[in-house]
Amino acid sequence: MHIFLGIVMVLFSLFLGAIGYLIAMRGKYALINNFIMQRNAGKADNAYAQRVGWIELFAAVYFLLFGILALCINSTGFALTVFIIGVVLLAAAALLNLFLGKRRA
């Protein structure tokens, strides 16, 4: 089971890393749901989109490091714990960014 979770975390990190890179470094803000419409309506700005991209990049690093570590350590409990913590941290960061973006708008 730890091998499966490790592979899932590594694949998830590759996905998050690619999307985060495209948003934060290349300015592909259309990858964020309804961002163009919200920006045109004045509800969001480019700083919000940059924060989304950086959150995804940092989450990608987290999942990559702990995914590789989960593959090396023979413990399903460790792999499951770091996976759940990573998902909770990613959701909390996304919600915090959402509230910060709405407060400034």
PDB file of N, CA and C in Angstrom:
ATOM      1  N   MET A   1       0.816  -1.198   0.000  1.00  0.00           N
ATOM      2  CA  MET A   1       0.000   0.000   0.000  1.00  0.00           C
ATOM      3  C   MET A   1       0.861   1.263   0.000  1.00  0.00           C
ATOM      4  N   HIS A   2       2.006   1.228   0.713  1.00  0.00           N
ATOM      5  CA  HIS A   2       2.862   2.412   0.745  1.00  0.00           C
ATOM      6  C   HIS A   2       3.450   2.707  -0.629  1.00  0.00           C
ATOM      7  N   ILE A   3       3.660   1.667  -1.421  1.00  0.00           N
ATOM      8  CA  ILE A   3       4.182   1.880  -2.778  1.00  0.00           C
ATOM      9  C   ILE A   3       3.133   2.595  -3.629  1.00  0.00           C
ATOM     10  N   PHE A   4       1.883   2.169  -3.520  1.00  0.00           N
ATOM     11  CA  PHE A   4       0.804   2.810  -4.268  1.00  0.00           C
ATOM     12  C   PHE A   4       0.672   4.285  -3.880  1.00  0.00           C
ATOM     13  N   LEU A   5       0.674   4.578  -2.570  1.00  0.00           N
ATOM     14  CA  LEU A   5       0.550   5.964  -2.121  1.00  0.00           C
ATOM     15  C   LEU A   5       1.760   6.799  -2.545  1.00  0.00           C
ATOM     16  N   GLY A   6       2.938   6.193  -2.508  1.00  0.00           N
ATOM     17  CA  GLY A   6       4.130   6.909  -2.954  1.00  0.00           C
ATOM     18  C   GLY A   6       4.058   7.264  -4.428  1.00  0.00           C
ATOM     19  N   ILE A   7       3.598   6.330  -5.244  1.00  0.00           N
ATOM     20  CA  ILE A   7       3.470   6.587  -6.681  1.00  0.00           C
ATOM     21  C   ILE A   7       2.386   7.632  -6.938  1.00  0.00           C
ATOM     22  N   VAL A   8       1.280   7.550  -6.209  1.00  0.00           N
ATOM     23  CA  VAL A   8       0.212   8.549  -6.358  1.00  0.00           C
ATOM     24  C   VAL A   8       0.733   9.933  -6.002  1.00  0.00           C
ATOM     25  N   MET A   9       1.506  10.048  -4.923  1.00  0.00           N
ATOM     26  CA  MET A   9       2.041  11.348  -4.527  1.00  0.00           C
ATOM     27  C   MET A   9       3.025  11.893  -5.558  1.00  0.00           C
ATOM     28  N   VAL A  10       3.863  11.040  -6.110  1.00  0.00           N
ATOM     29  CA  VAL A  10       4.820  11.500  -7.125  1.00  0.00           C
ATOM     30  C   VAL A  10       4.079  11.950  -8.390  1.00  0.00           C
ATOM     31  N   LEU A  11       3.098  11.178  -8.832  1.00  0.00           N
ATOM     32  CA  LEU A  11       2.331  11.571 -10.017  1.00  0.00           C
ATOM     33  C   LEU A  11       1.537  12.855  -9.761  1.00  0.00           C
ATOM     34  N   PHE A  12       0.966  12.985  -8.576  1.00  0.00           N
ATOM     35  CA  PHE A  12       0.229  14.190  -8.211  1.00  0.00           C
ATOM     36  C   PHE A  12       1.164  15.399  -8.198  1.00  0.00           C
ATOM     37  N   SER A  13       2.391  15.192  -7.734  1.00  0.00           N
ATOM     38  CA  SER A  13       3.354  16.302  -7.713  1.00  0.00           C
ATOM     39  C   SER A  13       3.722  16.729  -9.129  1.00  0.00           C
ATOM     40  N   LEU A  14       3.836  15.790 -10.036  1.00  0.00           N
ATOM     41  CA  LEU A  14       4.135  16.153 -11.427  1.00  0.00           C
ATOM     42  C   LEU A  14       2.996  16.967 -12.038  1.00  0.00           C
ATOM     43  N   PHE A  15       1.770  16.570 -11.756  1.00  0.00           N
ATOM     44  CA  PHE A  15       0.608  17.311 -12.251  1.00  0.00           C
ATOM     45  C   PHE A  15       0.547  18.712 -11.650  1.00  0.00           C
ATOM     46  N   LEU A  16       0.669  18.806 -10.325  1.00  0.00           N
ATOM     47  CA  LEU A  16       0.626  20.112  -9.672  1.00  0.00           C
ATOM     48  C   LEU A  16       1.785  20.998 -10.117  1.00  0.00           C
ATOM     49  N   GLY A  17       2.941  20.393 -10.278  1.00  0.00           N
ATOM     50  CA  GLY A  17       4.104  21.161 -10.713  1.00  0.00           C
ATOM     51  C   GLY A  17       3.919  21.742 -12.100  1.00  0.00           C
ATOM     52  N   ALA A  18       3.376  20.953 -13.003  1.00  0.00           N
ATOM     53  CA  ALA A  18       3.150  21.438 -14.370  1.00  0.00           C
ATOM     54  C   ALA A  18       2.120  22.562 -14.385  1.00  0.00           C
ATOM     55  N   ILE A  19       1.014  22.377 -13.691  1.00  0.00           N
ATOM     56  CA  ILE A  19      -0.024  23.401 -13.662  1.00  0.00           C
ATOM     57  C   ILE A  19       0.481  24.653 -12.933  1.00  0.00           C
ATOM     58  N   GLY A  20       1.147  24.469 -11.796  1.00  0.00           N
ATOM     59  CA  GLY A  20       1.681  25.604 -11.060  1.00  0.00           C
ATOM     60  C   GLY A  20       2.709  26.383 -11.859  1.00  0.00           C
ATOM     61  N   TYR A  21       3.563  25.680 -12.596  1.00  0.00           N
ATOM     62  CA  TYR A  21       4.560  26.350 -13.439  1.00  0.00           C
ATOM     63  C   TYR A  21       3.886  27.166 -14.535  1.00  0.00           C
ATOM     64  N   LEU A  22       2.885  26.567 -15.179  1.00  0.00           N
ATOM     65  CA  LEU A  22       2.198  27.279 -16.253  1.00  0.00           C
ATOM     66  C   LEU A  22       1.483  28.526 -15.735  1.00  0.00           C
ATOM     67  N   ILE A  23       0.933  28.456 -14.534  1.00  0.00           N
ATOM     68  CA  ILE A  23       0.218  29.607 -13.991  1.00  0.00           C
ATOM     69  C   ILE A  23       1.202  30.655 -13.467  1.00  0.00           C
ATOM     70  N   ALA A  24       2.141  30.243 -12.611  1.00  0.00           N
ATOM     71  CA  ALA A  24       3.020  31.206 -11.943  1.00  0.00           C
ATOM     72  C   ALA A  24       4.096  31.764 -12.866  1.00  0.00           C
ATOM     73  N   MET A  25       4.679  30.936 -13.712  1.00  0.00           N
ATOM     74  CA  MET A  25       5.817  31.378 -14.520  1.00  0.00           C
ATOM     75  C   MET A  25       5.419  31.823 -15.927  1.00  0.00           C
ATOM     76  N   ARG A  26       4.430  31.183 -16.493  1.00  0.00           N
ATOM     77  CA  ARG A  26       4.050  31.477 -17.874  1.00  0.00           C
ATOM     78  C   ARG A  26       2.808  32.355 -18.004  1.00  0.00           C
ATOM     79  N   GLY A  27       2.127  32.608 -16.891  1.00  0.00           N
ATOM     80  CA  GLY A  27       0.963  33.492 -16.919  1.00  0.00           C
ATOM     81  C   GLY A  27      -0.259  32.899 -17.597  1.00  0.00           C
ATOM     82  N   LYS A  28      -0.394  31.590 -17.580  1.00  0.00           N
ATOM     83  CA  LYS A  28      -1.558  30.921 -18.173  1.00  0.00           C
ATOM     84  C   LYS A  28      -2.715  30.927 -17.165  1.00  0.00           C
ATOM     85  N   TYR A  29      -3.257  32.114 -16.925  1.00  0.00           N
ATOM     86  CA  TYR A  29      -4.284  32.266 -15.910  1.00  0.00           C
ATOM     87  C   TYR A  29      -5.598  31.612 -16.301  1.00  0.00           C
ATOM     88  N   ALA A  30      -5.780  31.298 -17.545  1.00  0.00           N
ATOM     89  CA  ALA A  30      -7.011  30.638 -17.990  1.00  0.00           C
ATOM     90  C   ALA A  30      -7.126  29.224 -17.408  1.00  0.00           C
ATOM     91  N   LEU A  31      -6.034  28.676 -16.869  1.00  0.00           N
ATOM     92  CA  LEU A  31      -6.095  27.354 -16.243  1.00  0.00           C
ATOM     93  C   LEU A  31      -6.855  27.378 -14.919  1.00  0.00           C
ATOM     94  N   ILE A  32      -7.059  28.571 -14.361  1.00  0.00           N
ATOM     95  CA  ILE A  32      -7.820  28.713 -13.120  1.00  0.00           C
ATOM     96  C   ILE A  32      -9.286  28.879 -13.503  1.00  0.00           C
ATOM     97  N   ASN A  33     -10.137  28.088 -12.879  1.00  0.00           N
ATOM     98  CA  ASN A  33     -11.564  28.118 -13.206  1.00  0.00           C
ATOM     99  C   ASN A  33     -12.145  29.516 -13.073  1.00  0.00           C
ATOM    100  N   ASN A  34     -12.780  29.994 -14.132  1.00  0.00           N
ATOM    101  CA  ASN A  34     -13.502  31.272 -14.173  1.00  0.00           C
ATOM    102  C   ASN A  34     -12.640  32.487 -13.837  1.00  0.00           C
ATOM    103  N   PHE A  35     -11.325  32.372 -13.901  1.00  0.00           N
ATOM    104  CA  PHE A  35     -10.486  33.504 -13.513  1.00  0.00           C
ATOM    105  C   PHE A  35     -10.648  34.678 -14.477  1.00  0.00           C
ATOM    106  N   ILE A  36     -10.706  34.413 -15.763  1.00  0.00           N
ATOM    107  CA  ILE A  36     -10.810  35.493 -16.743  1.00  0.00           C
ATOM    108  C   ILE A  36     -12.109  36.276 -16.521  1.00  0.00           C
ATOM    109  N   MET A  37     -13.196  35.567 -16.282  1.00  0.00           N
ATOM    110  CA  MET A  37     -14.478  36.241 -16.025  1.00  0.00           C
ATOM    111  C   MET A  37     -14.423  37.036 -14.725  1.00  0.00           C
ATOM    112  N   GLN A  38     -13.805  36.470 -13.686  1.00  0.00           N
ATOM    113  CA  GLN A  38     -13.707  37.173 -12.414  1.00  0.00           C
ATOM    114  C   GLN A  38     -12.802  38.395 -12.520  1.00  0.00           C
ATOM    115  N   ARG A  39     -11.727  38.270 -13.293  1.00  0.00           N
ATOM    116  CA  ARG A  39     -10.837  39.416 -13.464  1.00  0.00           C
ATOM    117  C   ARG A  39     -11.537  40.531 -14.228  1.00  0.00           C
ATOM    118  N   ASN A  40     -12.280  40.161 -15.264  1.00  0.00           N
ATOM    119  CA  ASN A  40     -13.007  41.167 -16.036  1.00  0.00           C
ATOM    120  C   ASN A  40     -14.099  41.838 -15.206  1.00  0.00           C
ATOM    121  N   ALA A  41     -14.666  41.108 -14.257  1.00  0.00           N
ATOM    122  CA  ALA A  41     -15.703  41.667 -13.387  1.00  0.00           C
ATOM    123  C   ALA A  41     -15.105  42.428 -12.204  1.00  0.00           C
ATOM    124  N   GLY A  42     -13.773  42.404 -12.060  1.00  0.00           N
ATOM    125  CA  GLY A  42     -13.114  43.107 -10.971  1.00  0.00           C
ATOM    126  C   GLY A  42     -13.093  42.344  -9.662  1.00  0.00           C
ATOM    127  N   LYS A  43     -13.427  41.061  -9.679  1.00  0.00           N
ATOM    128  CA  LYS A  43     -13.469  40.266  -8.450  1.00  0.00           C
ATOM    129  C   LYS A  43     -12.130  39.613  -8.120  1.00  0.00           C
ATOM    130  N   ALA A  44     -11.224  39.529  -9.084  1.00  0.00           N
ATOM    131  CA  ALA A  44      -9.921  38.902  -8.865  1.00  0.00           C
ATOM    132  C   ALA A  44      -8.879  39.683  -9.655  1.00  0.00           C
ATOM    133  N   ASP A  45      -7.639  39.549  -9.217  1.00  0.00           N
ATOM    134  CA  ASP A  45      -6.557  40.220  -9.932  1.00  0.00           C
ATOM    135  C   ASP A  45      -5.437  39.220 -10.213  1.00  0.00           C
ATOM    136  N   ASN A  46      -4.407  39.691 -10.892  1.00  0.00           N
ATOM    137  CA  ASN A  46      -3.308  38.804 -11.261  1.00  0.00           C
ATOM    138  C   ASN A  46      -2.528  38.312 -10.050  1.00  0.00           C
ATOM    139  N   ALA A  47      -2.523  39.076  -8.966  1.00  0.00           N
ATOM    140  CA  ALA A  47      -1.835  38.627  -7.752  1.00  0.00           C
ATOM    141  C   ALA A  47      -2.495  37.367  -7.198  1.00  0.00           C
ATOM    142  N   TYR A  48      -3.817  37.304  -7.284  1.00  0.00           N
ATOM    143  CA  TYR A  48      -4.539  36.098  -6.855  1.00  0.00           C
ATOM    144  C   TYR A  48      -4.083  34.896  -7.677  1.00  0.00           C
ATOM    145  N   ALA A  49      -3.983  35.072  -8.994  1.00  0.00           N
ATOM    146  CA  ALA A  49      -3.575  33.983  -9.870  1.00  0.00           C
ATOM    147  C   ALA A  49      -2.132  33.569  -9.591  1.00  0.00           C
ATOM    148  N   GLN A  50      -1.270  34.533  -9.320  1.00  0.00           N
ATOM    149  CA  GLN A  50       0.121  34.208  -8.987  1.00  0.00           C
ATOM    150  C   GLN A  50       0.187  33.381  -7.703  1.00  0.00           C
ATOM    151  N   ARG A  51      -0.621  33.751  -6.712  1.00  0.00           N
ATOM    152  CA  ARG A  51      -0.634  32.980  -5.471  1.00  0.00           C
ATOM    153  C   ARG A  51      -1.126  31.557  -5.711  1.00  0.00           C
ATOM    154  N   VAL A  52      -2.111  31.388  -6.581  1.00  0.00           N
ATOM    155  CA  VAL A  52      -2.593  30.040  -6.914  1.00  0.00           C
ATOM    156  C   VAL A  52      -1.456  29.231  -7.518  1.00  0.00           C
ATOM    157  N   GLY A  53      -0.733  29.824  -8.452  1.00  0.00           N
ATOM    158  CA  GLY A  53       0.385  29.124  -9.086  1.00  0.00           C
ATOM    159  C   GLY A  53       1.463  28.736  -8.101  1.00  0.00           C
ATOM    160  N   TRP A  54       1.819  29.658  -7.197  1.00  0.00           N
ATOM    161  CA  TRP A  54       2.868  29.351  -6.213  1.00  0.00           C
ATOM    162  C   TRP A  54       2.405  28.319  -5.195  1.00  0.00           C
ATOM    163  N   ILE A  55       1.146  28.350  -4.811  1.00  0.00           N
ATOM    164  CA  ILE A  55       0.617  27.323  -3.907  1.00  0.00           C
ATOM    165  C   ILE A  55       0.746  25.953  -4.549  1.00  0.00           C
ATOM    166  N   GLU A  56       0.419  25.857  -5.818  1.00  0.00           N
ATOM    167  CA  GLU A  56       0.519  24.573  -6.504  1.00  0.00           C
ATOM    168  C   GLU A  56       1.970  24.129  -6.659  1.00  0.00           C
ATOM    169  N   LEU A  57       2.869  25.067  -6.899  1.00  0.00           N
ATOM    170  CA  LEU A  57       4.290  24.697  -7.001  1.00  0.00           C
ATOM    171  C   LEU A  57       4.832  24.193  -5.667  1.00  0.00           C
ATOM    172  N   PHE A  58       4.504  24.877  -4.581  1.00  0.00           N
ATOM    173  CA  PHE A  58       4.964  24.422  -3.270  1.00  0.00           C
ATOM    174  C   PHE A  58       4.348  23.072  -2.899  1.00  0.00           C
ATOM    175  N   ALA A  59       3.090  22.872  -3.241  1.00  0.00           N
ATOM    176  CA  ALA A  59       2.449  21.578  -2.989  1.00  0.00           C
ATOM    177  C   ALA A  59       3.116  20.486  -3.811  1.00  0.00           C
ATOM    178  N   ALA A  60       3.531  20.811  -5.027  1.00  0.00           N
ATOM    179  CA  ALA A  60       4.222  19.830  -5.867  1.00  0.00           C
ATOM    180  C   ALA A  60       5.531  19.399  -5.233  1.00  0.00           C
ATOM    181  N   VAL A  61       6.276  20.342  -4.676  1.00  0.00           N
ATOM    182  CA  VAL A  61       7.538  20.002  -4.008  1.00  0.00           C
ATOM    183  C   VAL A  61       7.264  19.122  -2.793  1.00  0.00           C
ATOM    184  N   TYR A  62       6.251  19.467  -2.006  1.00  0.00           N
ATOM    185  CA  TYR A  62       5.886  18.668  -0.837  1.00  0.00           C
ATOM    186  C   TYR A  62       5.561  17.231  -1.235  1.00  0.00           C
ATOM    187  N   PHE A  63       4.671  17.073  -2.219  1.00  0.00           N
ATOM    188  CA  PHE A  63       4.257  15.729  -2.610  1.00  0.00           C
ATOM    189  C   PHE A  63       5.390  14.951  -3.267  1.00  0.00           C
ATOM    190  N   LEU A  64       6.266  15.624  -3.983  1.00  0.00           N
ATOM    191  CA  LEU A  64       7.400  14.924  -4.591  1.00  0.00           C
ATOM    192  C   LEU A  64       8.360  14.417  -3.523  1.00  0.00           C
ATOM    193  N   LEU A  65       8.740  15.282  -2.583  1.00  0.00           N
ATOM    194  CA  LEU A  65       9.673  14.868  -1.536  1.00  0.00           C
ATOM    195  C   LEU A  65       9.102  13.740  -0.678  1.00  0.00           C
ATOM    196  N   PHE A  66       7.873  13.923  -0.220  1.00  0.00           N
ATOM    197  CA  PHE A  66       7.301  12.907   0.652  1.00  0.00           C
ATOM    198  C   PHE A  66       6.855  11.667  -0.124  1.00  0.00           C
ATOM    199  N   GLY A  67       6.563  11.812  -1.413  1.00  0.00           N
ATOM    200  CA  GLY A  67       6.258  10.635  -2.226  1.00  0.00           C
ATOM    201  C   GLY A  67       7.477   9.748  -2.394  1.00  0.00           C
ATOM    202  N   ILE A  68       8.620  10.372  -2.647  1.00  0.00           N
ATOM    203  CA  ILE A  68       9.865   9.597  -2.762  1.00  0.00           C
ATOM    204  C   ILE A  68      10.228   8.976  -1.418  1.00  0.00           C
ATOM    205  N   LEU A  69      10.050   9.755  -0.346  1.00  0.00           N
ATOM    206  CA  LEU A  69      10.321   9.237   0.991  1.00  0.00           C
ATOM    207  C   LEU A  69       9.387   8.077   1.335  1.00  0.00           C
ATOM    208  N   ALA A  70       8.127   8.169   0.929  1.00  0.00           N
ATOM    209  CA  ALA A  70       7.172   7.084   1.191  1.00  0.00           C
ATOM    210  C   ALA A  70       7.543   5.822   0.423  1.00  0.00           C
ATOM    211  N   LEU A  71       8.146   5.999  -0.754  1.00  0.00           N
ATOM    212  CA  LEU A  71       8.597   4.830  -1.504  1.00  0.00           C
ATOM    213  C   LEU A  71       9.796   4.163  -0.831  1.00  0.00           C
ATOM    214  N   CYS A  72      10.607   4.968  -0.148  1.00  0.00           N
ATOM    215  CA  CYS A  72      11.804   4.428   0.506  1.00  0.00           C
ATOM    216  C   CYS A  72      11.510   3.820   1.872  1.00  0.00           C
ATOM    217  N   ILE A  73      10.550   4.406   2.575  1.00  0.00           N
ATOM    218  CA  ILE A  73      10.216   3.918   3.922  1.00  0.00           C
ATOM    219  C   ILE A  73       9.092   2.898   3.791  1.00  0.00           C
ATOM    220  N   ASN A  74       9.277   1.770   4.402  1.00  0.00           N
ATOM    221  CA  ASN A  74       8.303   0.686   4.309  1.00  0.00           C
ATOM    222  C   ASN A  74       7.242   0.842   5.393  1.00  0.00           C
ATOM    223  N   SER A  75       6.443   1.924   5.298  1.00  0.00           N
ATOM    224  CA  SER A  75       5.418   2.177   6.307  1.00  0.00           C
ATOM    225  C   SER A  75       4.186   2.778   5.635  1.00  0.00           C
ATOM    226  N   THR A  76       3.108   2.025   5.647  1.00  0.00           N
ATOM    227  CA  THR A  76       1.856   2.517   5.089  1.00  0.00           C
ATOM    228  C   THR A  76       1.310   3.661   5.928  1.00  0.00           C
ATOM    229  N   GLY A  77       1.483   3.597   7.239  1.00  0.00           N
ATOM    230  CA  GLY A  77       1.003   4.658   8.116  1.00  0.00           C
ATOM    231  C   GLY A  77       1.667   5.987   7.808  1.00  0.00           C
ATOM    232  N   PHE A  78       2.977   5.968   7.583  1.00  0.00           N
ATOM    233  CA  PHE A  78       3.692   7.196   7.232  1.00  0.00           C
ATOM    234  C   PHE A  78       3.183   7.750   5.912  1.00  0.00           C
ATOM    235  N   ALA A  79       3.064   6.892   4.906  1.00  0.00           N
ATOM    236  CA  ALA A  79       2.631   7.339   3.579  1.00  0.00           C
ATOM    237  C   ALA A  79       1.225   7.927   3.638  1.00  0.00           C
ATOM    238  N   LEU A  80       0.335   7.269   4.351  1.00  0.00           N
ATOM    239  CA  LEU A  80      -1.039   7.753   4.462  1.00  0.00           C
ATOM    240  C   LEU A  80      -1.109   9.069   5.243  1.00  0.00           C
ATOM    241  N   THR A  81      -0.316   9.172   6.291  1.00  0.00           N
ATOM    242  CA  THR A  81      -0.302  10.389   7.102  1.00  0.00           C
ATOM    243  C   THR A  81       0.188  11.588   6.307  1.00  0.00           C
ATOM    244  N   VAL A  82       1.313  11.452   5.605  1.00  0.00           N
ATOM    245  CA  VAL A  82       1.836  12.601   4.858  1.00  0.00           C
ATOM    246  C   VAL A  82       0.932  12.937   3.670  1.00  0.00           C
ATOM    247  N   PHE A  83       0.265  11.947   3.103  1.00  0.00           N
ATOM    248  CA  PHE A  83      -0.671  12.219   2.015  1.00  0.00           C
ATOM    249  C   PHE A  83      -1.853  13.040   2.519  1.00  0.00           C
ATOM    250  N   ILE A  84      -2.432  12.625   3.643  1.00  0.00           N
ATOM    251  CA  ILE A  84      -3.583  13.343   4.203  1.00  0.00           C
ATOM    252  C   ILE A  84      -3.174  14.744   4.639  1.00  0.00           C
ATOM    253  N   ILE A  85      -2.028  14.876   5.298  1.00  0.00           N
ATOM    254  CA  ILE A  85      -1.548  16.197   5.714  1.00  0.00           C
ATOM    255  C   ILE A  85      -1.335  17.087   4.498  1.00  0.00           C
ATOM    256  N   GLY A  86      -0.772  16.545   3.426  1.00  0.00           N
ATOM    257  CA  GLY A  86      -0.547  17.325   2.217  1.00  0.00           C
ATOM    258  C   GLY A  86      -1.838  17.805   1.579  1.00  0.00           C
ATOM    259  N   VAL A  87      -2.827  16.950   1.509  1.00  0.00           N
ATOM    260  CA  VAL A  87      -4.112  17.331   0.921  1.00  0.00           C
ATOM    261  C   VAL A  87      -4.792  18.394   1.777  1.00  0.00           C
ATOM    262  N   VAL A  88      -4.731  18.237   3.098  1.00  0.00           N
ATOM    263  CA  VAL A  88      -5.346  19.226   3.998  1.00  0.00           C
ATOM    264  C   VAL A  88      -4.630  20.570   3.884  1.00  0.00           C
ATOM    265  N   LEU A  89      -3.297  20.559   3.840  1.00  0.00           N
ATOM    266  CA  LEU A  89      -2.549  21.806   3.694  1.00  0.00           C
ATOM    267  C   LEU A  89      -2.833  22.484   2.360  1.00  0.00           C
ATOM    268  N   LEU A  90      -2.933  21.710   1.301  1.00  0.00           N
ATOM    269  CA  LEU A  90      -3.239  22.268  -0.016  1.00  0.00           C
ATOM    270  C   LEU A  90      -4.630  22.901  -0.018  1.00  0.00           C
ATOM    271  N   ALA A  91      -5.602  22.220   0.558  1.00  0.00           N
ATOM    272  CA  ALA A  91      -6.966  22.773   0.622  1.00  0.00           C
ATOM    273  C   ALA A  91      -7.006  24.022   1.496  1.00  0.00           C
ATOM    274  N   ALA A  92      -6.298  24.011   2.626  1.00  0.00           N
ATOM    275  CA  ALA A  92      -6.282  25.174   3.507  1.00  0.00           C
ATOM    276  C   ALA A  92      -5.627  26.377   2.821  1.00  0.00           C
ATOM    277  N   ALA A  93      -4.539  26.148   2.107  1.00  0.00           N
ATOM    278  CA  ALA A  93      -3.870  27.243   1.402  1.00  0.00           C
ATOM    279  C   ALA A  93      -4.760  27.801   0.297  1.00  0.00           C
ATOM    280  N   ALA A  94      -5.453  26.937  -0.411  1.00  0.00           N
ATOM    281  CA  ALA A  94      -6.348  27.400  -1.476  1.00  0.00           C
ATOM    282  C   ALA A  94      -7.507  28.210  -0.901  1.00  0.00           C
ATOM    283  N   LEU A  95      -8.072  27.760   0.214  1.00  0.00           N
ATOM    284  CA  LEU A  95      -9.165  28.507   0.845  1.00  0.00           C
ATOM    285  C   LEU A  95      -8.687  29.837   1.398  1.00  0.00           C
ATOM    286  N   LEU A  96      -7.510  29.847   2.017  1.00  0.00           N
ATOM    287  CA  LEU A  96      -6.950  31.097   2.525  1.00  0.00           C
ATOM    288  C   LEU A  96      -6.718  32.085   1.389  1.00  0.00           C
ATOM    289  N   ASN A  97      -6.188  31.600   0.284  1.00  0.00           N
ATOM    290  CA  ASN A  97      -5.975  32.451  -0.886  1.00  0.00           C
ATOM    291  C   ASN A  97      -7.305  32.987  -1.421  1.00  0.00           C
ATOM    292  N   LEU A  98      -8.320  32.162  -1.427  1.00  0.00           N
ATOM    293  CA  LEU A  98      -9.632  32.586  -1.887  1.00  0.00           C
ATOM    294  C   LEU A  98     -10.184  33.715  -1.013  1.00  0.00           C
ATOM    295  N   PHE A  99     -10.071  33.563   0.296  1.00  0.00           N
ATOM    296  CA  PHE A  99     -10.569  34.589   1.205  1.00  0.00           C
ATOM    297  C   PHE A  99      -9.735  35.860   1.135  1.00  0.00           C
ATOM    298  N   LEU A 100      -8.426  35.722   0.981  1.00  0.00           N
ATOM    299  CA  LEU A 100      -7.582  36.905   0.840  1.00  0.00           C
ATOM    300  C   LEU A 100      -7.902  37.658  -0.442  1.00  0.00           C
ATOM    301  N   GLY A 101      -8.153  36.928  -1.519  1.00  0.00           N
ATOM    302  CA  GLY A 101      -8.494  37.548  -2.788  1.00  0.00           C
ATOM    303  C   GLY A 101      -9.818  38.269  -2.731  1.00  0.00           C
ATOM    304  N   LYS A 102     -10.806  37.711  -2.038  1.00  0.00           N
ATOM    305  CA  LYS A 102     -12.125  38.361  -1.933  1.00  0.00           C
ATOM    306  C   LYS A 102     -12.076  39.581  -1.023  1.00  0.00           C
ATOM    307  N   ARG A 103     -11.232  39.526   0.001  1.00  0.00           N
ATOM    308  CA  ARG A 103     -11.140  40.651   0.924  1.00  0.00           C
ATOM    309  C   ARG A 103     -10.521  41.876   0.243  1.00  0.00           C
ATOM    310  N   ARG A 104      -9.560  41.662  -0.627  1.00  0.00           N
ATOM    311  CA  ARG A 104      -8.882  42.752  -1.298  1.00  0.00           C
ATOM    312  C   ARG A 104      -9.685  43.318  -2.454  1.00  0.00           C
ATOM    313  N   ALA A 105     -10.596  42.515  -2.990  1.00  0.00           N
ATOM    314  CA  ALA A 105     -11.350  42.975  -4.164  1.00  0.00           C
ATOM    315  C   ALA A 105     -12.402  43.988  -3.792  1.00  0.00           C
TER     316      ALA A 105
END
